[in-house]
Amino acid sequence: MCDPVTAMIIGAGGKLIQGVAANKAGQENAALIAEQAATEAQLSAIKDERLRKQMAGQIAKQRLQLSGRGISLDSPQAVYLGQQAAEELSYASQSERSRGAARQAELSAARRASIAQGRMGLLTGVLGAAGSALTDAQKIWPDLAAGGA
């Protein structure tokens, strides 16, 4: 069995190490979330680009169909259909970008929460170590609790 001073140091040190480990885990999780956010931002941009290409292809197909039916592309009907298709393209693109922005905000909040959780673990470890050392010190040196008389 070890002496009381060594036991006090080991007990306080263990709590401190737990706090440091919790902080490190929070930082590592935050880094992983940041990587995920970057990947999802790229995926969102790719989805938006594909959606725009798909819609542009549909608009071109619509123009061909109108021309095939003998409708002039500058006729009011063709212009109206083109405007409707452009509005739909704009709406779909904005919807995809908004979805991506919402996911970025969600991941950013998760990253901040992970960092805060790690810091809270560190603070808990430091305070636990200090509390343990002070409590054990009074047991080892009873004169400390009595005021040092």
N, C-alpha and C. Protein backbone atom coordinates (compact mmCIF):
# COMPACT_ATOMS: atom_id res chain seq x y z
N MET A 1 0.85 -1.17 0.00
CA MET A 1 0.00 0.00 0.00
C MET A 1 0.89 1.24 0.00
N CYS A 2 0.45 2.28 -0.73
CA CYS A 2 1.27 3.48 -0.84
C CYS A 2 0.91 4.48 0.26
N ASP A 3 1.83 5.40 0.48
CA ASP A 3 1.59 6.39 1.53
C ASP A 3 0.48 7.36 1.12
N PRO A 4 -0.13 8.07 2.07
CA PRO A 4 -1.28 8.93 1.77
C PRO A 4 -0.98 10.07 0.79
N VAL A 5 0.23 10.60 0.82
CA VAL A 5 0.58 11.70 -0.10
C VAL A 5 0.59 11.18 -1.54
N THR A 6 1.17 10.01 -1.74
CA THR A 6 1.20 9.40 -3.07
C THR A 6 -0.22 9.10 -3.54
N ALA A 7 -1.04 8.57 -2.65
CA ALA A 7 -2.43 8.27 -3.01
C ALA A 7 -3.18 9.55 -3.40
N MET A 8 -2.91 10.64 -2.69
CA MET A 8 -3.55 11.92 -3.01
C MET A 8 -3.13 12.38 -4.40
N ILE A 9 -1.85 12.28 -4.69
CA ILE A 9 -1.33 12.72 -5.99
C ILE A 9 -1.91 11.86 -7.11
N ILE A 10 -1.98 10.55 -6.89
CA ILE A 10 -2.52 9.65 -7.90
C ILE A 10 -4.00 9.93 -8.14
N GLY A 11 -4.76 10.14 -7.07
CA GLY A 11 -6.19 10.43 -7.21
C GLY A 11 -6.44 11.73 -7.96
N ALA A 12 -5.71 12.77 -7.57
CA ALA A 12 -5.88 14.06 -8.25
C ALA A 12 -5.39 13.98 -9.70
N GLY A 13 -4.28 13.30 -9.90
CA GLY A 13 -3.73 13.15 -11.25
C GLY A 13 -4.67 12.38 -12.16
N GLY A 14 -5.32 11.37 -11.64
CA GLY A 14 -6.27 10.59 -12.44
C GLY A 14 -7.43 11.45 -12.93
N LYS A 15 -7.95 12.29 -12.06
CA LYS A 15 -9.05 13.17 -12.45
C LYS A 15 -8.59 14.19 -13.48
N LEU A 16 -7.39 14.69 -13.30
CA LEU A 16 -6.84 15.65 -14.25
C LEU A 16 -6.64 14.99 -15.63
N ILE A 17 -6.12 13.78 -15.64
CA ILE A 17 -5.91 13.05 -16.90
C ILE A 17 -7.24 12.78 -17.59
N GLN A 18 -8.28 12.43 -16.82
CA GLN A 18 -9.60 12.23 -17.41
C GLN A 18 -10.10 13.50 -18.08
N GLY A 19 -9.89 14.64 -17.43
CA GLY A 19 -10.31 15.91 -18.00
C GLY A 19 -9.58 16.23 -19.28
N VAL A 20 -8.28 16.00 -19.31
CA VAL A 20 -7.49 16.25 -20.52
C VAL A 20 -7.95 15.32 -21.65
N ALA A 21 -8.23 14.06 -21.31
CA ALA A 21 -8.69 13.11 -22.32
C ALA A 21 -10.06 13.52 -22.87
N ALA A 22 -10.95 14.01 -22.02
CA ALA A 22 -12.26 14.46 -22.48
C ALA A 22 -12.12 15.65 -23.41
N ASN A 23 -11.21 16.57 -23.09
CA ASN A 23 -10.98 17.73 -23.94
C ASN A 23 -10.43 17.30 -25.30
N LYS A 24 -9.49 16.38 -25.27
CA LYS A 24 -8.90 15.90 -26.52
C LYS A 24 -9.96 15.21 -27.39
N ALA A 25 -10.81 14.41 -26.76
CA ALA A 25 -11.87 13.72 -27.50
C ALA A 25 -12.83 14.75 -28.13
N GLY A 26 -13.15 15.80 -27.39
CA GLY A 26 -14.01 16.85 -27.93
C GLY A 26 -13.38 17.54 -29.12
N GLN A 27 -12.10 17.81 -29.04
CA GLN A 27 -11.39 18.46 -30.15
C GLN A 27 -11.33 17.55 -31.38
N GLU A 28 -11.08 16.26 -31.14
CA GLU A 28 -11.03 15.31 -32.26
C GLU A 28 -12.39 15.16 -32.93
N ASN A 29 -13.45 15.10 -32.12
CA ASN A 29 -14.79 15.02 -32.70
C ASN A 29 -15.11 16.28 -33.51
N ALA A 30 -14.70 17.42 -33.00
CA ALA A 30 -14.93 18.68 -33.71
C ALA A 30 -14.20 18.68 -35.06
N ALA A 31 -13.00 18.14 -35.09
CA ALA A 31 -12.25 18.07 -36.34
C ALA A 31 -12.95 17.14 -37.34
N LEU A 32 -13.48 16.02 -36.86
CA LEU A 32 -14.20 15.10 -37.74
C LEU A 32 -15.47 15.75 -38.28
N ILE A 33 -16.16 16.49 -37.44
CA ILE A 33 -17.38 17.17 -37.89
C ILE A 33 -17.03 18.23 -38.93
N ALA A 34 -15.91 18.93 -38.74
CA ALA A 34 -15.49 19.94 -39.73
C ALA A 34 -15.20 19.28 -41.08
N GLU A 35 -14.57 18.11 -41.06
CA GLU A 35 -14.31 17.37 -42.30
C GLU A 35 -15.62 16.97 -42.97
N GLN A 36 -16.57 16.50 -42.16
CA GLN A 36 -17.86 16.11 -42.69
C GLN A 36 -18.58 17.31 -43.30
N ALA A 37 -18.48 18.46 -42.66
CA ALA A 37 -19.12 19.68 -43.18
C ALA A 37 -18.53 20.05 -44.53
N ALA A 38 -17.22 19.94 -44.66
CA ALA A 38 -16.58 20.27 -45.94
C ALA A 38 -17.03 19.32 -47.04
N THR A 39 -17.11 18.04 -46.72
CA THR A 39 -17.55 17.04 -47.69
C THR A 39 -19.00 17.29 -48.10
N GLU A 40 -19.84 17.58 -47.12
CA GLU A 40 -21.25 17.81 -47.43
C GLU A 40 -21.46 19.10 -48.22
N ALA A 41 -20.61 20.08 -48.00
CA ALA A 41 -20.70 21.32 -48.79
C ALA A 41 -20.37 21.02 -50.26
N GLN A 42 -19.36 20.19 -50.49
CA GLN A 42 -19.02 19.81 -51.86
C GLN A 42 -20.15 19.00 -52.50
N LEU A 43 -20.72 18.09 -51.74
CA LEU A 43 -21.82 17.28 -52.27
C LEU A 43 -23.03 18.14 -52.61
N SER A 44 -23.32 19.10 -51.78
CA SER A 44 -24.44 20.00 -52.03
C SER A 44 -24.21 20.81 -53.31
N ALA A 45 -23.00 21.28 -53.50
CA ALA A 45 -22.68 22.04 -54.71
C ALA A 45 -22.81 21.15 -55.95
N ILE A 46 -22.37 19.90 -55.84
CA ILE A 46 -22.48 18.96 -56.96
C ILE A 46 -23.95 18.67 -57.28
N LYS A 47 -24.75 18.46 -56.23
CA LYS A 47 -26.18 18.21 -56.44
C LYS A 47 -26.84 19.40 -57.14
N ASP A 48 -26.49 20.60 -56.70
CA ASP A 48 -27.05 21.80 -57.32
C ASP A 48 -26.66 21.89 -58.79
N GLU A 49 -25.40 21.62 -59.07
CA GLU A 49 -24.92 21.67 -60.46
C GLU A 49 -25.64 20.64 -61.32
N ARG A 50 -25.79 19.42 -60.81
CA ARG A 50 -26.48 18.37 -61.57
C ARG A 50 -27.94 18.74 -61.80
N LEU A 51 -28.56 19.31 -60.77
CA LEU A 51 -29.95 19.72 -60.89
C LEU A 51 -30.11 20.80 -61.96
N ARG A 52 -29.20 21.74 -61.98
CA ARG A 52 -29.24 22.81 -62.99
C ARG A 52 -29.06 22.24 -64.40
N LYS A 53 -28.12 21.30 -64.55
CA LYS A 53 -27.90 20.69 -65.87
C LYS A 53 -29.12 19.90 -66.31
N GLN A 54 -29.71 19.18 -65.38
CA GLN A 54 -30.91 18.39 -65.70
C GLN A 54 -32.05 19.31 -66.12
N MET A 55 -32.26 20.38 -65.38
CA MET A 55 -33.34 21.32 -65.71
C MET A 55 -33.05 22.03 -67.04
N ALA A 56 -31.80 22.38 -67.29
CA ALA A 56 -31.44 23.02 -68.56
C ALA A 56 -31.71 22.07 -69.72
N GLY A 57 -31.45 20.81 -69.51
CA GLY A 57 -31.73 19.80 -70.53
C GLY A 57 -33.23 19.70 -70.80
N GLN A 58 -34.02 19.78 -69.74
CA GLN A 58 -35.47 19.71 -69.92
C GLN A 58 -35.99 20.96 -70.65
N ILE A 59 -35.40 22.12 -70.34
CA ILE A 59 -35.79 23.35 -71.04
C ILE A 59 -35.46 23.25 -72.52
N ALA A 60 -34.28 22.72 -72.83
CA ALA A 60 -33.89 22.55 -74.24
C ALA A 60 -34.84 21.58 -74.94
N LYS A 61 -35.21 20.51 -74.26
CA LYS A 61 -36.14 19.53 -74.83
C LYS A 61 -37.50 20.19 -75.09
N GLN A 62 -37.94 21.03 -74.16
CA GLN A 62 -39.20 21.74 -74.31
C GLN A 62 -39.17 22.66 -75.54
N ARG A 63 -38.04 23.34 -75.72
CA ARG A 63 -37.89 24.22 -76.90
C ARG A 63 -37.98 23.42 -78.20
N LEU A 64 -37.31 22.26 -78.20
CA LEU A 64 -37.36 21.40 -79.39
C LEU A 64 -38.78 20.94 -79.68
N GLN A 65 -39.50 20.58 -78.63
CA GLN A 65 -40.88 20.13 -78.81
C GLN A 65 -41.75 21.26 -79.36
N LEU A 66 -41.55 22.46 -78.84
CA LEU A 66 -42.31 23.60 -79.34
C LEU A 66 -41.99 23.87 -80.81
N SER A 67 -40.70 23.83 -81.14
CA SER A 67 -40.30 24.05 -82.54
C SER A 67 -40.87 22.96 -83.43
N GLY A 68 -40.89 21.73 -82.93
CA GLY A 68 -41.42 20.61 -83.69
C GLY A 68 -42.90 20.74 -83.96
N ARG A 69 -43.58 21.44 -83.11
CA ARG A 69 -45.02 21.66 -83.30
C ARG A 69 -45.31 22.91 -84.13
N GLY A 70 -44.23 23.56 -84.55
CA GLY A 70 -44.40 24.74 -85.38
C GLY A 70 -44.65 26.02 -84.60
N ILE A 71 -44.37 25.98 -83.29
CA ILE A 71 -44.58 27.17 -82.46
C ILE A 71 -43.28 27.96 -82.44
N SER A 72 -43.38 29.23 -82.76
CA SER A 72 -42.20 30.09 -82.76
C SER A 72 -41.70 30.29 -81.33
N LEU A 73 -40.37 30.25 -81.16
CA LEU A 73 -39.79 30.39 -79.81
C LEU A 73 -39.93 31.79 -79.24
N ASP A 74 -40.30 32.76 -80.06
CA ASP A 74 -40.52 34.10 -79.53
C ASP A 74 -42.01 34.42 -79.39
N SER A 75 -42.84 33.40 -79.55
CA SER A 75 -44.28 33.59 -79.37
C SER A 75 -44.58 33.75 -77.87
N PRO A 76 -45.69 34.39 -77.53
CA PRO A 76 -46.04 34.58 -76.12
C PRO A 76 -46.14 33.25 -75.36
N GLN A 77 -46.67 32.23 -75.99
CA GLN A 77 -46.79 30.92 -75.33
C GLN A 77 -45.41 30.34 -75.02
N ALA A 78 -44.50 30.40 -75.97
CA ALA A 78 -43.16 29.85 -75.76
C ALA A 78 -42.40 30.66 -74.72
N VAL A 79 -42.56 31.98 -74.77
CA VAL A 79 -41.88 32.84 -73.78
C VAL A 79 -42.40 32.53 -72.38
N TYR A 80 -43.71 32.38 -72.26
CA TYR A 80 -44.32 32.08 -70.96
C TYR A 80 -43.80 30.74 -70.43
N LEU A 81 -43.80 29.72 -71.28
CA LEU A 81 -43.30 28.41 -70.85
C LEU A 81 -41.82 28.48 -70.45
N GLY A 82 -41.04 29.27 -71.18
CA GLY A 82 -39.63 29.44 -70.84
C GLY A 82 -39.45 30.13 -69.50
N GLN A 83 -40.28 31.13 -69.24
CA GLN A 83 -40.21 31.82 -67.95
C GLN A 83 -40.60 30.88 -66.81
N GLN A 84 -41.63 30.09 -67.03
CA GLN A 84 -42.05 29.14 -66.00
C GLN A 84 -40.94 28.12 -65.71
N ALA A 85 -40.31 27.63 -66.76
CA ALA A 85 -39.22 26.66 -66.59
C ALA A 85 -38.04 27.30 -65.86
N ALA A 86 -37.73 28.55 -66.19
CA ALA A 86 -36.62 29.25 -65.52
C ALA A 86 -36.93 29.47 -64.05
N GLU A 87 -38.18 29.80 -63.73
CA GLU A 87 -38.57 29.97 -62.33
C GLU A 87 -38.46 28.67 -61.57
N GLU A 88 -38.88 27.58 -62.22
CA GLU A 88 -38.79 26.26 -61.58
C GLU A 88 -37.32 25.88 -61.34
N LEU A 89 -36.48 26.17 -62.31
CA LEU A 89 -35.04 25.92 -62.16
C LEU A 89 -34.49 26.71 -60.98
N SER A 90 -34.85 27.97 -60.91
CA SER A 90 -34.37 28.83 -59.83
C SER A 90 -34.85 28.32 -58.47
N TYR A 91 -36.12 27.94 -58.41
CA TYR A 91 -36.68 27.42 -57.16
C TYR A 91 -35.98 26.14 -56.72
N ALA A 92 -35.81 25.22 -57.64
CA ALA A 92 -35.18 23.93 -57.31
C ALA A 92 -33.73 24.13 -56.87
N SER A 93 -33.02 25.01 -57.54
CA SER A 93 -31.63 25.29 -57.19
C SER A 93 -31.55 25.94 -55.81
N GLN A 94 -32.41 26.91 -55.57
CA GLN A 94 -32.41 27.58 -54.27
C GLN A 94 -32.78 26.61 -53.15
N SER A 95 -33.68 25.71 -53.43
CA SER A 95 -34.08 24.70 -52.46
C SER A 95 -32.88 23.82 -52.09
N GLU A 96 -32.13 23.40 -53.07
CA GLU A 96 -30.95 22.56 -52.82
C GLU A 96 -29.89 23.34 -52.04
N ARG A 97 -29.66 24.58 -52.41
CA ARG A 97 -28.68 25.39 -51.68
C ARG A 97 -29.13 25.64 -50.25
N SER A 98 -30.41 25.86 -50.05
CA SER A 98 -30.93 26.08 -48.69
C SER A 98 -30.78 24.82 -47.84
N ARG A 99 -31.03 23.68 -48.46
CA ARG A 99 -30.85 22.41 -47.75
C ARG A 99 -29.39 22.24 -47.33
N GLY A 100 -28.49 22.58 -48.24
CA GLY A 100 -27.06 22.48 -47.91
C GLY A 100 -26.65 23.47 -46.83
N ALA A 101 -27.18 24.67 -46.87
CA ALA A 101 -26.86 25.68 -45.85
C ALA A 101 -27.39 25.26 -44.47
N ALA A 102 -28.58 24.66 -44.46
CA ALA A 102 -29.14 24.19 -43.19
C ALA A 102 -28.27 23.07 -42.61
N ARG A 103 -27.80 22.19 -43.45
CA ARG A 103 -26.93 21.10 -42.97
C ARG A 103 -25.62 21.67 -42.46
N GLN A 104 -25.09 22.69 -43.12
CA GLN A 104 -23.86 23.33 -42.65
C GLN A 104 -24.07 23.95 -41.27
N ALA A 105 -25.20 24.60 -41.08
CA ALA A 105 -25.51 25.21 -39.78
C ALA A 105 -25.63 24.14 -38.70
N GLU A 106 -26.25 23.03 -39.05
CA GLU A 106 -26.41 21.92 -38.10
C GLU A 106 -25.05 21.35 -37.70
N LEU A 107 -24.19 21.14 -38.68
CA LEU A 107 -22.86 20.59 -38.39
C LEU A 107 -22.00 21.58 -37.62
N SER A 108 -22.15 22.86 -37.92
CA SER A 108 -21.40 23.88 -37.19
C SER A 108 -21.81 23.89 -35.72
N ALA A 109 -23.10 23.77 -35.47
CA ALA A 109 -23.58 23.72 -34.08
C ALA A 109 -23.07 22.46 -33.38
N ALA A 110 -23.06 21.34 -34.09
CA ALA A 110 -22.56 20.09 -33.49
C ALA A 110 -21.07 20.21 -33.19
N ARG A 111 -20.33 20.87 -34.05
CA ARG A 111 -18.90 21.07 -33.83
C ARG A 111 -18.66 21.93 -32.59
N ARG A 112 -19.40 23.02 -32.48
CA ARG A 112 -19.26 23.89 -31.30
C ARG A 112 -19.65 23.15 -30.02
N ALA A 113 -20.69 22.33 -30.10
CA ALA A 113 -21.12 21.56 -28.93
C ALA A 113 -20.04 20.56 -28.51
N SER A 114 -19.39 19.95 -29.48
CA SER A 114 -18.32 18.99 -29.17
C SER A 114 -17.14 19.68 -28.50
N ILE A 115 -16.79 20.86 -29.00
CA ILE A 115 -15.70 21.62 -28.38
C ILE A 115 -16.08 22.00 -26.95
N ALA A 116 -17.31 22.47 -26.77
CA ALA A 116 -17.77 22.87 -25.43
C ALA A 116 -17.80 21.68 -24.48
N GLN A 117 -18.21 20.53 -24.99
CA GLN A 117 -18.24 19.33 -24.15
C GLN A 117 -16.83 18.94 -23.72
N GLY A 118 -15.88 19.05 -24.63
CA GLY A 118 -14.49 18.75 -24.28
C GLY A 118 -13.95 19.71 -23.23
N ARG A 119 -14.26 20.99 -23.40
CA ARG A 119 -13.80 21.98 -22.42
C ARG A 119 -14.45 21.75 -21.07
N MET A 120 -15.73 21.37 -21.09
CA MET A 120 -16.41 21.08 -19.83
C MET A 120 -15.77 19.87 -19.14
N GLY A 121 -15.40 18.88 -19.92
CA GLY A 121 -14.71 17.72 -19.35
C GLY A 121 -13.38 18.11 -18.74
N LEU A 122 -12.65 19.00 -19.42
CA LEU A 122 -11.37 19.47 -18.88
C LEU A 122 -11.58 20.24 -17.58
N LEU A 123 -12.55 21.12 -17.58
CA LEU A 123 -12.84 21.90 -16.37
C LEU A 123 -13.27 20.99 -15.23
N THR A 124 -14.10 20.00 -15.53
CA THR A 124 -14.53 19.04 -14.51
C THR A 124 -13.32 18.28 -13.95
N GLY A 125 -12.42 17.89 -14.82
CA GLY A 125 -11.22 17.17 -14.37
C GLY A 125 -10.32 18.04 -13.49
N VAL A 126 -10.12 19.28 -13.90
CA VAL A 126 -9.27 20.18 -13.12
C VAL A 126 -9.89 20.45 -11.75
N LEU A 127 -11.19 20.76 -11.74
CA LEU A 127 -11.86 21.04 -10.47
C LEU A 127 -11.93 19.79 -9.59
N GLY A 128 -12.15 18.64 -10.22
CA GLY A 128 -12.17 17.39 -9.47
C GLY A 128 -10.82 17.09 -8.85
N ALA A 129 -9.76 17.34 -9.61
CA ALA A 129 -8.40 17.11 -9.09
C ALA A 129 -8.11 18.05 -7.92
N ALA A 130 -8.49 19.31 -8.07
CA ALA A 130 -8.27 20.28 -6.99
C ALA A 130 -9.08 19.91 -5.76
N GLY A 131 -10.33 19.55 -5.96
CA GLY A 131 -11.18 19.16 -4.83
C GLY A 131 -10.65 17.93 -4.13
N SER A 132 -10.22 16.96 -4.92
CA SER A 132 -9.67 15.73 -4.35
C SER A 132 -8.40 16.03 -3.55
N ALA A 133 -7.53 16.87 -4.09
CA ALA A 133 -6.29 17.20 -3.40
C ALA A 133 -6.57 17.94 -2.10
N LEU A 134 -7.50 18.87 -2.13
CA LEU A 134 -7.82 19.62 -0.91
C LEU A 134 -8.47 18.74 0.15
N THR A 135 -9.37 17.86 -0.27
CA THR A 135 -10.03 16.96 0.68
C THR A 135 -9.02 15.98 1.28
N ASP A 136 -8.19 15.40 0.44
CA ASP A 136 -7.20 14.44 0.92
C ASP A 136 -6.14 15.12 1.78
N ALA A 137 -5.80 16.36 1.46
CA ALA A 137 -4.79 17.08 2.25
C ALA A 137 -5.27 17.26 3.68
N GLN A 138 -6.56 17.50 3.86
CA GLN A 138 -7.09 17.66 5.22
C GLN A 138 -7.03 16.35 6.00
N LYS A 139 -7.17 15.23 5.28
CA LYS A 139 -7.09 13.92 5.94
C LYS A 139 -5.65 13.60 6.33
N ILE A 140 -4.72 14.01 5.46
CA ILE A 140 -3.31 13.72 5.71
C ILE A 140 -2.75 14.64 6.79
N TRP A 141 -3.10 15.91 6.70
CA TRP A 141 -2.62 16.89 7.66
C TRP A 141 -3.81 17.54 8.38
N PRO A 142 -4.30 16.93 9.40
CA PRO A 142 -5.49 17.42 10.09
C PRO A 142 -5.36 18.88 10.59
N ASP A 143 -4.17 19.33 10.81
CA ASP A 143 -3.96 20.70 11.29
C ASP A 143 -4.44 21.73 10.24
N LEU A 144 -4.47 21.33 8.95
CA LEU A 144 -4.94 22.24 7.90
C LEU A 144 -6.42 22.57 8.12
N ALA A 145 -7.20 21.56 8.49
CA ALA A 145 -8.62 21.77 8.68
C ALA A 145 -8.89 22.61 9.94
N ALA A 146 -8.01 22.50 10.92
CA ALA A 146 -8.21 23.22 12.20
C ALA A 146 -7.69 24.65 12.12
N GLY A 147 -7.10 25.04 11.05
CA GLY A 147 -6.60 26.41 10.92
C GLY A 147 -5.12 26.53 11.17
N GLY A 148 -4.42 25.43 11.31
CA GLY A 148 -2.96 25.46 11.43
C GLY A 148 -2.45 25.89 12.80
N ALA A 149 -3.18 25.70 13.87
CA ALA A 149 -2.78 26.15 15.20
C ALA A 149 -1.67 25.39 15.72
